[in-house]
PDB file of N, CA and C in Angstrom:
ATOM      1  N   MET A   1      14.336  35.329 -17.150  1.00  0.00           N
ATOM      2  CA  MET A   1      14.403  33.885 -17.213  1.00  0.00           C
ATOM      3  C   MET A   1      13.713  33.301 -15.985  1.00  0.00           C
ATOM      4  N   ILE A   2      12.931  32.258 -16.191  1.00  0.00           N
ATOM      5  CA  ILE A   2      12.205  31.609 -15.108  1.00  0.00           C
ATOM      6  C   ILE A   2      13.054  30.471 -14.553  1.00  0.00           C
ATOM      7  N   TYR A   3      13.224  30.487 -13.240  1.00  0.00           N
ATOM      8  CA  TYR A   3      14.011  29.445 -12.585  1.00  0.00           C
ATOM      9  C   TYR A   3      13.123  28.254 -12.272  1.00  0.00           C
ATOM     10  N   LYS A   4      13.592  27.065 -12.568  1.00  0.00           N
ATOM     11  CA  LYS A   4      12.874  25.839 -12.241  1.00  0.00           C
ATOM     12  C   LYS A   4      13.773  24.962 -11.394  1.00  0.00           C
ATOM     13  N   ASP A   5      13.188  24.353 -10.368  1.00  0.00           N
ATOM     14  CA  ASP A   5      13.945  23.415  -9.549  1.00  0.00           C
ATOM     15  C   ASP A   5      14.289  22.194 -10.383  1.00  0.00           C
ATOM     16  N   PRO A   6      15.465  21.617 -10.156  1.00  0.00           N
ATOM     17  CA  PRO A   6      15.806  20.397 -10.886  1.00  0.00           C
ATOM     18  C   PRO A   6      14.862  19.269 -10.474  1.00  0.00           C
ATOM     19  N   PRO A   7      14.631  18.297 -11.359  1.00  0.00           N
ATOM     20  CA  PRO A   7      13.741  17.196 -11.011  1.00  0.00           C
ATOM     21  C   PRO A   7      14.277  16.419  -9.805  1.00  0.00           C
ATOM     22  N   VAL A   8      13.368  16.011  -8.941  1.00  0.00           N
ATOM     23  CA  VAL A   8      13.734  15.263  -7.741  1.00  0.00           C
ATOM     24  C   VAL A   8      13.306  13.816  -7.934  1.00  0.00           C
ATOM     25  N   PRO A   9      14.212  12.853  -7.713  1.00  0.00           N
ATOM     26  CA  PRO A   9      13.827  11.450  -7.824  1.00  0.00           C
ATOM     27  C   PRO A   9      12.677  11.128  -6.874  1.00  0.00           C
ATOM     28  N   ALA A  10      11.815  10.208  -7.277  1.00  0.00           N
ATOM     29  CA  ALA A  10      10.611   9.873  -6.514  1.00  0.00           C
ATOM     30  C   ALA A  10      10.923   9.489  -5.071  1.00  0.00           C
ATOM     31  N   GLY A  11      11.969   8.718  -4.850  1.00  0.00           N
ATOM     32  CA  GLY A  11      12.324   8.294  -3.498  1.00  0.00           C
ATOM     33  C   GLY A  11      12.684   9.462  -2.608  1.00  0.00           C
ATOM     34  N   GLN A  12      13.377  10.435  -3.150  1.00  0.00           N
ATOM     35  CA  GLN A  12      13.738  11.618  -2.367  1.00  0.00           C
ATOM     36  C   GLN A  12      12.526  12.497  -2.104  1.00  0.00           C
ATOM     37  N   LYS A  13      11.612  12.576  -3.070  1.00  0.00           N
ATOM     38  CA  LYS A  13      10.408  13.379  -2.899  1.00  0.00           C
ATOM     39  C   LYS A  13       9.567  12.804  -1.758  1.00  0.00           C
ATOM     40  N   LEU A  14       9.429  11.483  -1.727  1.00  0.00           N
ATOM     41  CA  LEU A  14       8.663  10.823  -0.672  1.00  0.00           C
ATOM     42  C   LEU A  14       9.327  11.046   0.678  1.00  0.00           C
ATOM     43  N   ALA A  15      10.640  10.908   0.734  1.00  0.00           N
ATOM     44  CA  ALA A  15      11.364  11.082   1.984  1.00  0.00           C
ATOM     45  C   ALA A  15      11.198  12.497   2.523  1.00  0.00           C
ATOM     46  N   ALA A  16      11.107  13.475   1.647  1.00  0.00           N
ATOM     47  CA  ALA A  16      10.941  14.852   2.085  1.00  0.00           C
ATOM     48  C   ALA A  16       9.569  15.062   2.718  1.00  0.00           C
ATOM     49  N   GLN A  17       8.590  14.250   2.344  1.00  0.00           N
ATOM     50  CA  GLN A  17       7.243  14.378   2.873  1.00  0.00           C
ATOM     51  C   GLN A  17       7.055  13.616   4.178  1.00  0.00           C
ATOM     52  N   LEU A  18       7.880  12.626   4.440  1.00  0.00           N
ATOM     53  CA  LEU A  18       7.720  11.789   5.628  1.00  0.00           C
ATOM     54  C   LEU A  18       8.394  12.429   6.830  1.00  0.00           C
ATOM     55  N   ARG A  19       7.696  12.398   7.944  1.00  0.00           N
ATOM     56  CA  ARG A  19       8.265  12.891   9.187  1.00  0.00           C
ATOM     57  C   ARG A  19       7.790  11.964  10.290  1.00  0.00           C
ATOM     58  N   VAL A  20       8.709  11.491  11.096  1.00  0.00           N
ATOM     59  CA  VAL A  20       8.381  10.626  12.222  1.00  0.00           C
ATOM     60  C   VAL A  20       8.292  11.486  13.470  1.00  0.00           C
ATOM     61  N   ILE A  21       7.201  11.326  14.197  1.00  0.00           N
ATOM     62  CA  ILE A  21       7.064  12.036  15.467  1.00  0.00           C
ATOM     63  C   ILE A  21       6.928  11.016  16.584  1.00  0.00           C
ATOM     64  N   ARG A  22       7.403  11.379  17.736  1.00  0.00           N
ATOM     65  CA  ARG A  22       7.428  10.463  18.870  1.00  0.00           C
ATOM     66  C   ARG A  22       6.137  10.569  19.673  1.00  0.00           C
ATOM     67  N   HIS A  23       5.994   9.648  20.611  1.00  0.00           N
ATOM     68  CA  HIS A  23       4.793   9.512  21.435  1.00  0.00           C
ATOM     69  C   HIS A  23       4.395  10.845  22.086  1.00  0.00           C
ATOM     70  N   LYS A  24       5.346  11.504  22.705  1.00  0.00           N
ATOM     71  CA  LYS A  24       5.069  12.765  23.400  1.00  0.00           C
ATOM     72  C   LYS A  24       4.543  13.828  22.433  1.00  0.00           C
ATOM     73  N   GLN A  25       5.122  13.894  21.241  1.00  0.00           N
ATOM     74  CA  GLN A  25       4.676  14.869  20.243  1.00  0.00           C
ATOM     75  C   GLN A  25       3.256  14.581  19.780  1.00  0.00           C
ATOM     76  N   VAL A  26       2.908  13.285  19.665  1.00  0.00           N
ATOM     77  CA  VAL A  26       1.546  12.916  19.265  1.00  0.00           C
ATOM     78  C   VAL A  26       0.564  13.367  20.342  1.00  0.00           C
ATOM     79  N   CYS A  27       0.909  13.105  21.599  1.00  0.00           N
ATOM     80  CA  CYS A  27       0.040  13.530  22.703  1.00  0.00           C
ATOM     81  C   CYS A  27      -0.159  15.038  22.699  1.00  0.00           C
ATOM     82  N   GLU A  28       0.920  15.781  22.467  1.00  0.00           N
ATOM     83  CA  GLU A  28       0.824  17.236  22.422  1.00  0.00           C
ATOM     84  C   GLU A  28      -0.030  17.695  21.243  1.00  0.00           C
ATOM     85  N   LYS A  29       0.152  17.049  20.097  1.00  0.00           N
ATOM     86  CA  LYS A  29      -0.591  17.433  18.889  1.00  0.00           C
ATOM     87  C   LYS A  29      -2.091  17.184  19.070  1.00  0.00           C
ATOM     88  N   LEU A  30      -2.440  16.063  19.713  1.00  0.00           N
ATOM     89  CA  LEU A  30      -3.846  15.708  19.905  1.00  0.00           C
ATOM     90  C   LEU A  30      -4.428  16.280  21.190  1.00  0.00           C
ATOM     91  N   GLN A  31      -3.579  16.827  22.045  1.00  0.00           N
ATOM     92  CA  GLN A  31      -4.014  17.354  23.343  1.00  0.00           C
ATOM     93  C   GLN A  31      -4.687  16.265  24.183  1.00  0.00           C
ATOM     94  N   ILE A  32      -4.039  15.083  24.230  1.00  0.00           N
ATOM     95  CA  ILE A  32      -4.534  13.980  25.047  1.00  0.00           C
ATOM     96  C   ILE A  32      -3.388  13.462  25.914  1.00  0.00           C
ATOM     97  N   SER A  33      -3.745  12.686  26.925  1.00  0.00           N
ATOM     98  CA  SER A  33      -2.735  12.121  27.809  1.00  0.00           C
ATOM     99  C   SER A  33      -2.073  10.915  27.150  1.00  0.00           C
ATOM    100  N   SER A  34      -0.944  10.547  27.701  1.00  0.00           N
ATOM    101  CA  SER A  34      -0.229   9.367  27.224  1.00  0.00           C
ATOM    102  C   SER A  34      -1.091   8.116  27.391  1.00  0.00           C
ATOM    103  N   ALA A  35      -1.778   8.025  28.526  1.00  0.00           N
ATOM    104  CA  ALA A  35      -2.644   6.866  28.791  1.00  0.00           C
ATOM    105  C   ALA A  35      -3.767   6.777  27.753  1.00  0.00           C
ATOM    106  N   LYS A  36      -4.335   7.920  27.378  1.00  0.00           N
ATOM    107  CA  LYS A  36      -5.408   7.929  26.384  1.00  0.00           C
ATOM    108  C   LYS A  36      -4.891   7.482  25.023  1.00  0.00           C
ATOM    109  N   LEU A  37      -3.674   7.895  24.665  1.00  0.00           N
ATOM    110  CA  LEU A  37      -3.094   7.472  23.390  1.00  0.00           C
ATOM    111  C   LEU A  37      -2.895   5.959  23.384  1.00  0.00           C
ATOM    112  N   PHE A  38      -2.344   5.418  24.472  1.00  0.00           N
ATOM    113  CA  PHE A  38      -2.173   3.965  24.568  1.00  0.00           C
ATOM    114  C   PHE A  38      -3.520   3.256  24.466  1.00  0.00           C
ATOM    115  N   ASP A  39      -4.551   3.815  25.081  1.00  0.00           N
ATOM    116  CA  ASP A  39      -5.890   3.230  25.038  1.00  0.00           C
ATOM    117  C   ASP A  39      -6.441   3.212  23.608  1.00  0.00           C
ATOM    118  N   LEU A  40      -6.289   4.316  22.889  1.00  0.00           N
ATOM    119  CA  LEU A  40      -6.768   4.383  21.505  1.00  0.00           C
ATOM    120  C   LEU A  40      -6.048   3.365  20.616  1.00  0.00           C
ATOM    121  N   ILE A  41      -4.743   3.205  20.832  1.00  0.00           N
ATOM    122  CA  ILE A  41      -3.972   2.234  20.050  1.00  0.00           C
ATOM    123  C   ILE A  41      -4.434   0.817  20.368  1.00  0.00           C
ATOM    124  N   ALA A  42      -4.613   0.519  21.663  1.00  0.00           N
ATOM    125  CA  ALA A  42      -5.034  -0.821  22.089  1.00  0.00           C
ATOM    126  C   ALA A  42      -6.408  -1.185  21.531  1.00  0.00           C
ATOM    127  N   LYS A  43      -7.294  -0.196  21.422  1.00  0.00           N
ATOM    128  CA  LYS A  43      -8.642  -0.432  20.890  1.00  0.00           C
ATOM    129  C   LYS A  43      -8.652  -0.511  19.370  1.00  0.00           C
ATOM    130  N   GLY A  44      -7.506  -0.224  18.737  1.00  0.00           N
ATOM    131  CA  GLY A  44      -7.428  -0.259  17.282  1.00  0.00           C
ATOM    132  C   GLY A  44      -8.035   0.965  16.620  1.00  0.00           C
ATOM    133  N   VAL A  45      -8.249   2.032  17.388  1.00  0.00           N
ATOM    134  CA  VAL A  45      -8.863   3.250  16.883  1.00  0.00           C
ATOM    135  C   VAL A  45      -7.813   4.194  16.304  1.00  0.00           C
ATOM    136  N   PHE A  46      -6.579   4.065  16.759  1.00  0.00           N
ATOM    137  CA  PHE A  46      -5.503   4.954  16.339  1.00  0.00           C
ATOM    138  C   PHE A  46      -4.391   4.117  15.721  1.00  0.00           C
ATOM    139  N   PRO A  47      -3.693   4.643  14.701  1.00  0.00           N
ATOM    140  CA  PRO A  47      -2.615   3.869  14.052  1.00  0.00           C
ATOM    141  C   PRO A  47      -1.526   3.450  15.028  1.00  0.00           C
ATOM    142  N   ARG A  48      -1.056   2.241  14.857  1.00  0.00           N
ATOM    143  CA  ARG A  48       0.026   1.737  15.703  1.00  0.00           C
ATOM    144  C   ARG A  48       1.338   2.419  15.309  1.00  0.00           C
ATOM    145  N   PRO A  49       2.219   2.578  16.286  1.00  0.00           N
ATOM    146  CA  PRO A  49       3.521   3.166  15.969  1.00  0.00           C
ATOM    147  C   PRO A  49       4.379   2.188  15.183  1.00  0.00           C
ATOM    148  N   VAL A  50       5.397   2.709  14.529  1.00  0.00           N
ATOM    149  CA  VAL A  50       6.343   1.874  13.791  1.00  0.00           C
ATOM    150  C   VAL A  50       7.654   1.809  14.574  1.00  0.00           C
ATOM    151  N   THR A  51       8.293   0.655  14.522  1.00  0.00           N
ATOM    152  CA  THR A  51       9.591   0.488  15.166  1.00  0.00           C
ATOM    153  C   THR A  51      10.626   1.223  14.330  1.00  0.00           C
ATOM    154  N   LEU A  52      11.393   2.088  14.967  1.00  0.00           N
ATOM    155  CA  LEU A  52      12.342   2.913  14.235  1.00  0.00           C
ATOM    156  C   LEU A  52      13.624   2.182  13.883  1.00  0.00           C
ATOM    157  N   VAL A  53      14.045   1.263  14.742  1.00  0.00           N
ATOM    158  CA  VAL A  53      15.269   0.501  14.504  1.00  0.00           C
ATOM    159  C   VAL A  53      14.914  -0.978  14.647  1.00  0.00           C
ATOM    160  N   PRO A  54      15.184  -1.803  13.633  1.00  0.00           N
ATOM    161  CA  PRO A  54      14.859  -3.221  13.735  1.00  0.00           C
ATOM    162  C   PRO A  54      15.446  -3.828  15.010  1.00  0.00           C
ATOM    163  N   GLY A  55      14.600  -4.489  15.772  1.00  0.00           N
ATOM    164  CA  GLY A  55      15.037  -5.117  17.012  1.00  0.00           C
ATOM    165  C   GLY A  55      15.164  -4.137  18.170  1.00  0.00           C
ATOM    166  N   GLY A  56      14.903  -2.870  17.921  1.00  0.00           N
ATOM    167  CA  GLY A  56      15.025  -1.853  18.956  1.00  0.00           C
ATOM    168  C   GLY A  56      13.711  -1.578  19.651  1.00  0.00           C
ATOM    169  N   ARG A  57      13.771  -0.710  20.641  1.00  0.00           N
ATOM    170  CA  ARG A  57      12.576  -0.370  21.404  1.00  0.00           C
ATOM    171  C   ARG A  57      11.972   0.961  20.978  1.00  0.00           C
ATOM    172  N   ALA A  58      12.736   1.793  20.299  1.00  0.00           N
ATOM    173  CA  ALA A  58      12.250   3.116  19.917  1.00  0.00           C
ATOM    174  C   ALA A  58      11.170   2.997  18.843  1.00  0.00           C
ATOM    175  N   VAL A  59      10.063   3.691  19.077  1.00  0.00           N
ATOM    176  CA  VAL A  59       8.971   3.702  18.107  1.00  0.00           C
ATOM    177  C   VAL A  59       8.579   5.142  17.808  1.00  0.00           C
ATOM    178  N   GLY A  60       7.892   5.323  16.713  1.00  0.00           N
ATOM    179  CA  GLY A  60       7.399   6.641  16.331  1.00  0.00           C
ATOM    180  C   GLY A  60       6.176   6.485  15.447  1.00  0.00           C
ATOM    181  N   PHE A  61       5.588   7.591  15.135  1.00  0.00           N
ATOM    182  CA  PHE A  61       4.392   7.625  14.296  1.00  0.00           C
ATOM    183  C   PHE A  61       4.686   8.467  13.070  1.00  0.00           C
ATOM    184  N   LEU A  62       4.168   8.064  11.929  1.00  0.00           N
ATOM    185  CA  LEU A  62       4.272   8.917  10.750  1.00  0.00           C
ATOM    186  C   LEU A  62       3.313  10.082  10.961  1.00  0.00           C
ATOM    187  N   GLU A  63       3.835  11.283  10.854  1.00  0.00           N
ATOM    188  CA  GLU A  63       2.991  12.453  11.087  1.00  0.00           C
ATOM    189  C   GLU A  63       1.834  12.484  10.099  1.00  0.00           C
ATOM    190  N   SER A  64       2.060  11.987   8.892  1.00  0.00           N
ATOM    191  CA  SER A  64       0.981  11.954   7.895  1.00  0.00           C
ATOM    192  C   SER A  64      -0.157  11.039   8.353  1.00  0.00           C
ATOM    193  N   ASP A  65       0.158   9.928   9.033  1.00  0.00           N
ATOM    194  CA  ASP A  65      -0.882   9.036   9.567  1.00  0.00           C
ATOM    195  C   ASP A  65      -1.684   9.742  10.663  1.00  0.00           C
ATOM    196  N   VAL A  66      -0.987  10.465  11.518  1.00  0.00           N
ATOM    197  CA  VAL A  66      -1.654  11.202  12.597  1.00  0.00           C
ATOM    198  C   VAL A  66      -2.554  12.284  11.995  1.00  0.00           C
ATOM    199  N   ASP A  67      -2.034  13.014  11.025  1.00  0.00           N
ATOM    200  CA  ASP A  67      -2.826  14.062  10.376  1.00  0.00           C
ATOM    201  C   ASP A  67      -4.059  13.479   9.693  1.00  0.00           C
ATOM    202  N   GLN A  68      -3.899  12.333   9.030  1.00  0.00           N
ATOM    203  CA  GLN A  68      -5.031  11.700   8.358  1.00  0.00           C
ATOM    204  C   GLN A  68      -6.074  11.243   9.375  1.00  0.00           C
ATOM    205  N   TRP A  69      -5.623  10.740  10.525  1.00  0.00           N
ATOM    206  CA  TRP A  69      -6.542  10.323  11.575  1.00  0.00           C
ATOM    207  C   TRP A  69      -7.367  11.518  12.053  1.00  0.00           C
ATOM    208  N   ILE A  70      -6.715  12.658  12.215  1.00  0.00           N
ATOM    209  CA  ILE A  70      -7.419  13.867  12.641  1.00  0.00           C
ATOM    210  C   ILE A  70      -8.481  14.250  11.602  1.00  0.00           C
ATOM    211  N   LEU A  71      -8.103  14.226  10.320  1.00  0.00           N
ATOM    212  CA  LEU A  71      -9.058  14.561   9.260  1.00  0.00           C
ATOM    213  C   LEU A  71     -10.223  13.571   9.207  1.00  0.00           C
ATOM    214  N   ASP A  72      -9.925  12.283   9.424  1.00  0.00           N
ATOM    215  CA  ASP A  72     -10.987  11.269   9.446  1.00  0.00           C
ATOM    216  C   ASP A  72     -11.944  11.509  10.608  1.00  0.00           C
ATOM    217  N   ARG A  73     -11.399  11.881  11.772  1.00  0.00           N
ATOM    218  CA  ARG A  73     -12.240  12.188  12.931  1.00  0.00           C
ATOM    219  C   ARG A  73     -13.123  13.400  12.650  1.00  0.00           C
ATOM    220  N   LYS A  74     -12.556  14.388  11.977  1.00  0.00           N
ATOM    221  CA  LYS A  74     -13.325  15.586  11.634  1.00  0.00           C
ATOM    222  C   LYS A  74     -14.494  15.217  10.722  1.00  0.00           C
ATOM    223  N   ALA A  75     -14.218  14.397   9.710  1.00  0.00           N
ATOM    224  CA  ALA A  75     -15.269  13.975   8.782  1.00  0.00           C
ATOM    225  C   ALA A  75     -16.345  13.170   9.511  1.00  0.00           C
ATOM    226  N   ALA A  76     -15.933  12.262  10.401  1.00  0.00           N
ATOM    227  CA  ALA A  76     -16.891  11.462  11.152  1.00  0.00           C
ATOM    228  C   ALA A  76     -17.744  12.332  12.064  1.00  0.00           C
ATOM    229  N   SER A  77     -17.108  13.320  12.653  1.00  0.00           N
ATOM    230  CA  SER A  77     -17.834  14.245  13.539  1.00  0.00           C
ATOM    231  C   SER A  77     -18.867  15.040  12.763  1.00  0.00           C
ATOM    232  N   GLU A  78     -18.513  15.471  11.572  1.00  0.00           N
ATOM    233  CA  GLU A  78     -19.456  16.220  10.737  1.00  0.00           C
ATOM    234  C   GLU A  78     -20.631  15.353  10.299  1.00  0.00           C
ATOM    235  N   GLN A  79     -20.374  14.059  10.024  1.00  0.00           N
ATOM    236  CA  GLN A  79     -21.457  13.151   9.641  1.00  0.00           C
ATOM    237  C   GLN A  79     -22.391  12.883  10.814  1.00  0.00           C
ATOM    238  N   GLU A  80     -21.812  12.786  12.021  1.00  0.00           N
ATOM    239  CA  GLU A  80     -22.629  12.554  13.211  1.00  0.00           C
ATOM    240  C   GLU A  80     -23.539  13.745  13.483  1.00  0.00           C
ATOM    241  N   ALA A  81     -23.046  14.939  13.189  1.00  0.00           N
ATOM    242  CA  ALA A  81     -23.808  16.158  13.435  1.00  0.00           C
ATOM    243  C   ALA A  81     -24.935  16.337  12.419  1.00  0.00           C
ATOM    244  N   ALA A  82     -24.786  15.735  11.248  1.00  0.00           N
ATOM    245  CA  ALA A  82     -25.789  15.909  10.185  1.00  0.00           C
ATOM    246  C   ALA A  82     -27.018  15.067  10.390  1.00  0.00           C
TER     247      ALA A  82
END
């Protein structure tokens, strides 16, 4: 008998894919300094962080946005080289 996972509601499926990472983790992932990350955000080159708690100070980045930015940079770099 073949085992199949039960169907997952769309909202839960999306939540399983989303991961929030903090400023320090983004810097580590990109291998850049905190100042450079702030500079990229200020220039509008990098996605802005999202506020984690309404009215709060804690912010984070969707890891999927960071990953997409990396892929976009890779594509742009390949076009520049061509």
